[in-house]
Amino acid sequence: MTQPAGRGTAAREGGRGAGLVRRVSHQERRRRLEVLRVEELGPAMRRIVLGGPELEADFPWLPLASADHVRVVVPDETTGELTLPAPGRRDATAIRDYTPRRFDAAAGELTIDFVLHAHGPAGRWATTAAPGSALGVIGPRVGQVFPADCDDYLLIADETGLPASERFLEELPPEAIIRVLVLAEGPERELGGGRAAEIRWLGAVPEATVLEAVAAIPIVPGSFVWGAGEAAVMRTLRTHLRHDRGLPAERVAVRGYWREGTAGSSGD
């Protein structure tokens, strides 16, 4: 997950697919990493590649643990010093949750996509990050491995959910039928390495428009839906999928990653 302006971290998952989604636990590790390079994904997103001697070769990276997240710790904005919190402690002003986009053990690289904004420490850090910039990375601690054998998949995501969506596109079997609804403004770009899928960039549109678009997408009893975005929108979609479309809870994994108008808040 990433955090755009005025958007907070994720907390709990609504509609958790407990029967299909396998939960895993990892030893929570703490690392001081540095920026190796930066790639511009658009005017509001940057892809930042991290590395360093503290990035272990066995970083937890399981296929289809697409929405796993780490906690990033930015340097103090006044002193420039990077201080990792003690185990079990969390300074909400300095730490945010992000979904890693890619891990390359051979190259020693961890890639994280950031939404650029001035309303939070991580967004501000990403705006000016350059090779050599420091960043703390903690975790992942608990992950979820999503199913690989559903009839089809619907992914619904704004900017905060795009990294996980791209992992789904890369890691689902080649024969999987995938539809993606992107709730973000362009510029449109290739997702998931150009994997064949039905991808529609809807844009940053009102909740009613999102619901209308989802209602028009075919869903069968064996479908699996994953979504991430603004909490109220995701709550409405979850209700629609569960009650109007009749999908069981285990086939709906839709999360609020942020709440409109509340920086540092938790979605649901």
Protein backbone atom coordinates (compact mmCIF):
# COMPACT_ATOMS: atom_id res chain seq x y z
CA MET A 1 0.00 0.00 0.00
CA THR A 2 1.03 3.53 -0.47
CA GLN A 3 -0.35 6.76 0.94
CA PRO A 4 -1.42 9.77 -1.10
CA ALA A 5 -2.26 13.20 0.27
CA GLY A 6 -4.44 13.11 3.34
CA ARG A 7 -4.54 9.34 3.31
CA GLY A 8 -3.62 7.05 6.15
CA THR A 9 -2.53 3.53 6.81
CA ALA A 10 -4.56 0.37 6.59
CA ALA A 11 -5.78 -1.30 9.74
CA ARG A 12 -8.01 -4.36 9.46
CA GLU A 13 -9.34 -6.20 6.44
CA GLY A 14 -13.05 -6.29 5.76
CA GLY A 15 -14.47 -9.36 4.08
CA ARG A 16 -11.36 -11.39 4.74
CA GLY A 17 -11.36 -14.54 2.62
CA ALA A 18 -10.46 -16.79 5.54
CA GLY A 19 -11.30 -20.05 3.72
CA LEU A 20 -9.21 -19.27 0.65
CA VAL A 21 -6.53 -16.94 1.95
CA ARG A 22 -3.63 -18.51 3.85
CA ARG A 23 -2.18 -16.42 6.67
CA VAL A 24 1.56 -16.57 7.31
CA SER A 25 3.79 -15.08 9.98
CA HIS A 26 7.35 -13.84 9.64
CA GLN A 27 10.05 -12.80 12.03
CA GLU A 28 9.85 -9.00 11.99
CA ARG A 29 13.21 -7.66 10.86
CA ARG A 30 14.45 -4.10 10.90
CA ARG A 31 16.73 -2.59 8.26
CA ARG A 32 18.47 0.65 7.39
CA LEU A 33 18.44 0.87 3.61
CA GLU A 34 19.42 3.49 1.07
CA VAL A 35 18.00 4.60 -2.24
CA LEU A 36 19.75 3.04 -5.24
CA ARG A 37 17.68 4.67 -7.97
CA VAL A 38 14.38 6.40 -8.63
CA GLU A 39 11.90 5.95 -11.48
CA GLU A 40 9.11 8.41 -12.22
CA LEU A 41 5.76 6.65 -12.75
CA GLY A 42 3.85 9.87 -13.32
CA PRO A 43 3.41 13.30 -11.77
CA ALA A 44 2.16 11.81 -8.50
CA MET A 45 4.04 8.49 -8.16
CA ARG A 46 7.65 7.42 -7.87
CA ARG A 47 9.18 3.96 -7.86
CA ILE A 48 12.09 3.86 -5.42
CA VAL A 49 14.61 1.01 -5.44
CA LEU A 50 16.33 0.36 -2.11
CA GLY A 51 19.31 -1.73 -1.10
CA GLY A 52 22.22 -2.01 1.26
CA PRO A 53 24.02 -4.56 3.43
CA GLU A 54 21.06 -4.90 5.81
CA LEU A 55 18.69 -6.14 3.08
CA GLU A 56 18.75 -9.89 3.60
CA ALA A 57 18.66 -12.39 0.74
CA ASP A 58 15.77 -14.23 2.41
CA PHE A 59 13.50 -11.20 2.70
CA PRO A 60 9.95 -12.64 3.09
CA TRP A 61 8.58 -12.76 -0.45
CA LEU A 62 5.99 -15.45 -1.13
CA PRO A 63 4.14 -15.84 -4.45
CA LEU A 64 0.67 -14.25 -4.27
CA ALA A 65 1.33 -12.64 -0.90
CA SER A 66 0.50 -9.65 -3.05
CA ALA A 67 -0.75 -7.26 -0.38
CA ASP A 68 1.93 -7.86 2.26
CA HIS A 69 3.21 -4.62 3.70
CA VAL A 70 6.27 -3.24 5.41
CA ARG A 71 6.55 -0.22 7.68
CA VAL A 72 8.80 2.53 6.41
CA VAL A 73 10.60 4.92 8.74
CA VAL A 74 11.80 8.23 7.31
CA PRO A 75 14.67 10.33 8.66
CA ASP A 76 13.89 13.21 10.98
CA GLU A 77 12.90 16.12 8.77
CA THR A 78 14.88 18.59 10.88
CA THR A 79 18.08 16.71 11.69
CA GLY A 80 18.13 14.22 8.82
CA GLU A 81 18.90 11.41 11.26
CA LEU A 82 17.23 8.02 10.79
CA THR A 83 16.19 6.39 14.07
CA LEU A 84 14.38 3.06 14.05
CA PRO A 85 11.84 2.73 16.89
CA ALA A 86 12.43 0.12 19.54
CA PRO A 87 10.76 -3.26 18.89
CA GLY A 88 7.07 -3.11 19.76
CA ARG A 89 6.92 0.70 19.57
CA ARG A 90 5.49 2.79 16.77
CA ASP A 91 5.76 6.54 16.31
CA ALA A 92 2.74 7.32 14.11
CA THR A 93 4.26 10.57 12.89
CA ALA A 94 7.26 8.82 11.36
CA ILE A 95 6.02 5.40 10.22
CA ARG A 96 3.71 4.42 7.39
CA ASP A 97 2.68 1.08 5.83
CA TYR A 98 3.62 0.32 2.23
CA THR A 99 3.26 -2.65 -0.09
CA PRO A 100 6.61 -3.62 -1.62
CA ARG A 101 6.39 -3.76 -5.39
CA ARG A 102 9.28 -6.10 -6.07
CA PHE A 103 12.13 -7.95 -4.36
CA ASP A 104 15.21 -9.12 -6.26
CA ALA A 105 17.39 -11.31 -4.06
CA ALA A 106 20.15 -11.67 -6.64
CA ALA A 107 20.47 -7.92 -7.15
CA GLY A 108 19.87 -7.10 -3.47
CA GLU A 109 17.01 -4.72 -4.29
CA LEU A 110 13.66 -3.94 -2.68
CA THR A 111 11.30 -1.74 -4.69
CA ILE A 112 8.52 0.37 -3.20
CA ASP A 113 6.12 2.67 -5.07
CA PHE A 114 5.27 5.95 -3.33
CA VAL A 115 2.44 8.40 -3.91
CA LEU A 116 3.89 11.90 -3.74
CA HIS A 117 2.25 14.44 -1.44
CA ALA A 118 3.07 17.05 1.17
CA HIS A 119 0.66 15.88 3.87
CA GLY A 120 2.74 13.15 5.47
CA PRO A 121 6.38 12.39 6.23
CA ALA A 122 6.70 9.45 3.84
CA GLY A 123 5.17 11.34 0.92
CA ARG A 124 7.45 14.30 1.55
CA TRP A 125 10.47 12.03 1.82
CA ALA A 126 9.64 10.29 -1.46
CA THR A 127 9.26 13.63 -3.24
CA THR A 128 12.91 14.52 -2.68
CA ALA A 129 14.49 11.05 -2.33
CA ALA A 130 17.62 10.53 -4.39
CA PRO A 131 20.37 7.89 -4.59
CA GLY A 132 21.97 7.68 -1.16
CA SER A 133 18.89 8.81 0.78
CA ALA A 134 18.22 6.69 3.87
CA LEU A 135 15.01 4.84 4.75
CA GLY A 136 14.13 2.39 7.50
CA VAL A 137 12.13 -0.70 6.54
CA ILE A 138 10.49 -2.97 9.14
CA GLY A 139 8.72 -6.25 8.45
CA PRO A 140 6.65 -7.76 6.96
CA ARG A 141 5.40 -9.48 10.08
CA VAL A 142 2.10 -11.09 9.03
CA GLY A 143 1.12 -11.85 5.46
CA GLN A 144 -1.65 -13.42 3.43
CA VAL A 145 -1.25 -15.71 0.44
CA PHE A 146 -4.17 -15.36 -1.97
CA PRO A 147 -5.68 -18.26 -3.98
CA ALA A 148 -4.36 -19.11 -7.45
CA ASP A 149 -7.19 -21.27 -8.77
CA CYS A 150 -10.36 -19.15 -8.77
CA ASP A 151 -12.60 -18.95 -11.85
CA ASP A 152 -11.64 -15.32 -12.41
CA TYR A 153 -10.29 -12.30 -10.54
CA LEU A 154 -11.47 -8.73 -10.17
CA LEU A 155 -8.94 -6.23 -8.82
CA ILE A 156 -10.15 -2.76 -7.77
CA ALA A 157 -7.53 -0.26 -6.68
CA ASP A 158 -6.64 3.40 -6.47
CA GLU A 159 -3.00 4.54 -6.32
CA THR A 160 -2.56 2.94 -2.90
CA GLY A 161 -3.51 -0.51 -4.21
CA LEU A 162 -1.63 -0.47 -7.51
CA PRO A 163 1.54 -2.15 -6.19
CA ALA A 164 -0.47 -5.14 -4.93
CA SER A 165 -2.51 -5.20 -8.13
CA GLU A 166 0.66 -5.39 -10.20
CA ARG A 167 1.90 -8.28 -8.11
CA PHE A 168 -1.38 -10.11 -8.72
CA LEU A 169 -0.97 -9.56 -12.45
CA GLU A 170 2.58 -10.91 -12.40
CA GLU A 171 2.02 -13.85 -10.05
CA LEU A 172 -1.38 -15.32 -10.95
CA PRO A 173 -1.19 -18.29 -13.34
CA PRO A 174 -1.00 -17.41 -17.07
CA GLU A 175 -4.43 -18.91 -17.69
CA ALA A 176 -6.17 -16.83 -15.00
CA ILE A 177 -8.87 -14.43 -16.19
CA ILE A 178 -8.19 -11.03 -14.64
CA ARG A 179 -10.10 -7.77 -14.74
CA VAL A 180 -8.62 -4.63 -13.20
CA LEU A 181 -10.46 -1.43 -12.37
CA VAL A 182 -8.04 1.41 -11.62
CA LEU A 183 -9.53 4.24 -9.54
CA ALA A 184 -6.76 6.68 -10.33
CA GLU A 185 -6.00 9.40 -12.82
CA GLY A 186 -3.45 8.74 -15.54
CA PRO A 187 -1.21 8.84 -17.20
CA GLU A 188 -2.15 5.28 -17.98
CA ARG A 189 0.83 2.97 -17.92
CA GLU A 190 1.64 -0.68 -18.38
CA LEU A 191 0.78 -2.71 -15.29
CA GLY A 192 2.23 -6.00 -14.16
CA GLY A 193 4.77 -6.28 -16.93
CA GLY A 194 2.15 -6.08 -19.65
CA ARG A 195 0.30 -9.20 -18.51
CA ALA A 196 -2.79 -9.90 -20.63
CA ALA A 197 -5.77 -8.65 -18.67
CA GLU A 198 -8.83 -6.46 -19.05
CA ILE A 199 -7.65 -3.19 -17.49
CA ARG A 200 -9.81 -0.09 -17.26
CA TRP A 201 -8.55 3.21 -15.90
CA LEU A 202 -11.70 4.71 -14.45
CA GLY A 203 -10.02 7.74 -12.87
CA ALA A 204 -10.65 9.48 -9.55
CA VAL A 205 -14.44 9.39 -9.85
CA PRO A 206 -17.29 9.59 -7.29
CA GLU A 207 -18.31 6.54 -5.29
CA ALA A 208 -21.52 6.11 -7.30
CA THR A 209 -19.53 5.87 -10.54
CA VAL A 210 -17.23 3.25 -9.04
CA LEU A 211 -20.22 1.20 -7.87
CA GLU A 212 -21.85 1.45 -11.29
CA ALA A 213 -18.67 0.22 -12.97
CA VAL A 214 -18.30 -2.73 -10.61
CA ALA A 215 -21.98 -3.63 -10.96
CA ALA A 216 -21.47 -3.99 -14.72
CA ILE A 217 -18.61 -6.48 -14.38
CA PRO A 218 -19.54 -10.19 -14.63
CA ILE A 219 -19.11 -12.10 -11.39
CA VAL A 220 -19.67 -15.84 -10.92
CA PRO A 221 -19.76 -17.95 -7.73
CA GLY A 222 -16.11 -18.91 -8.26
CA SER A 223 -14.85 -15.33 -8.69
CA PHE A 224 -12.39 -13.70 -6.29
CA VAL A 225 -12.40 -9.94 -5.69
CA TRP A 226 -9.57 -7.97 -4.15
CA GLY A 227 -9.77 -4.23 -3.62
CA ALA A 228 -7.95 -1.39 -1.89
CA GLY A 229 -8.68 2.31 -1.68
CA GLU A 230 -10.59 4.93 0.28
CA ALA A 231 -12.42 3.37 3.26
CA ALA A 232 -15.97 4.55 2.51
CA VAL A 233 -15.74 3.52 -1.14
CA MET A 234 -14.36 0.09 -0.27
CA ARG A 235 -17.07 -0.41 2.36
CA THR A 236 -19.77 0.30 -0.23
CA LEU A 237 -18.16 -2.08 -2.70
CA ARG A 238 -17.86 -4.79 -0.07
CA THR A 239 -21.56 -4.51 0.72
CA HIS A 240 -22.42 -4.66 -2.97
CA LEU A 241 -20.26 -7.71 -3.59
CA ARG A 242 -21.44 -9.61 -0.52
CA HIS A 243 -25.14 -8.76 -0.50
CA ASP A 244 -26.08 -7.63 -4.01
CA ARG A 245 -23.82 -10.01 -5.95
CA GLY A 246 -23.95 -12.88 -3.46
CA LEU A 247 -20.24 -13.61 -3.10
CA PRO A 248 -19.27 -15.35 0.16
CA ALA A 249 -16.89 -13.61 2.55
CA GLU A 250 -14.00 -15.89 1.60
CA ARG A 251 -14.11 -14.54 -1.97
CA VAL A 252 -14.16 -10.84 -1.10
CA ALA A 253 -10.94 -9.28 0.21
CA VAL A 254 -11.65 -5.55 0.04
CA ARG A 255 -9.81 -3.11 2.31
CA GLY A 256 -9.88 0.54 3.16
CA TYR A 257 -6.29 1.78 2.91
CA TRP A 258 -7.06 5.40 3.84
CA ARG A 259 -9.91 7.67 4.92
CA GLU A 260 -10.87 10.84 3.08
CA GLY A 261 -9.74 14.03 4.79
CA THR A 262 -7.82 12.34 7.60
CA ALA A 263 -4.04 12.18 7.40
CA GLY A 264 -2.53 9.25 9.24
CA SER A 265 -5.94 7.63 9.74
CA SER A 266 -6.81 3.97 9.38
CA GLY A 267 -9.22 2.61 6.85
CA ASP A 268 -11.33 -0.47 7.37
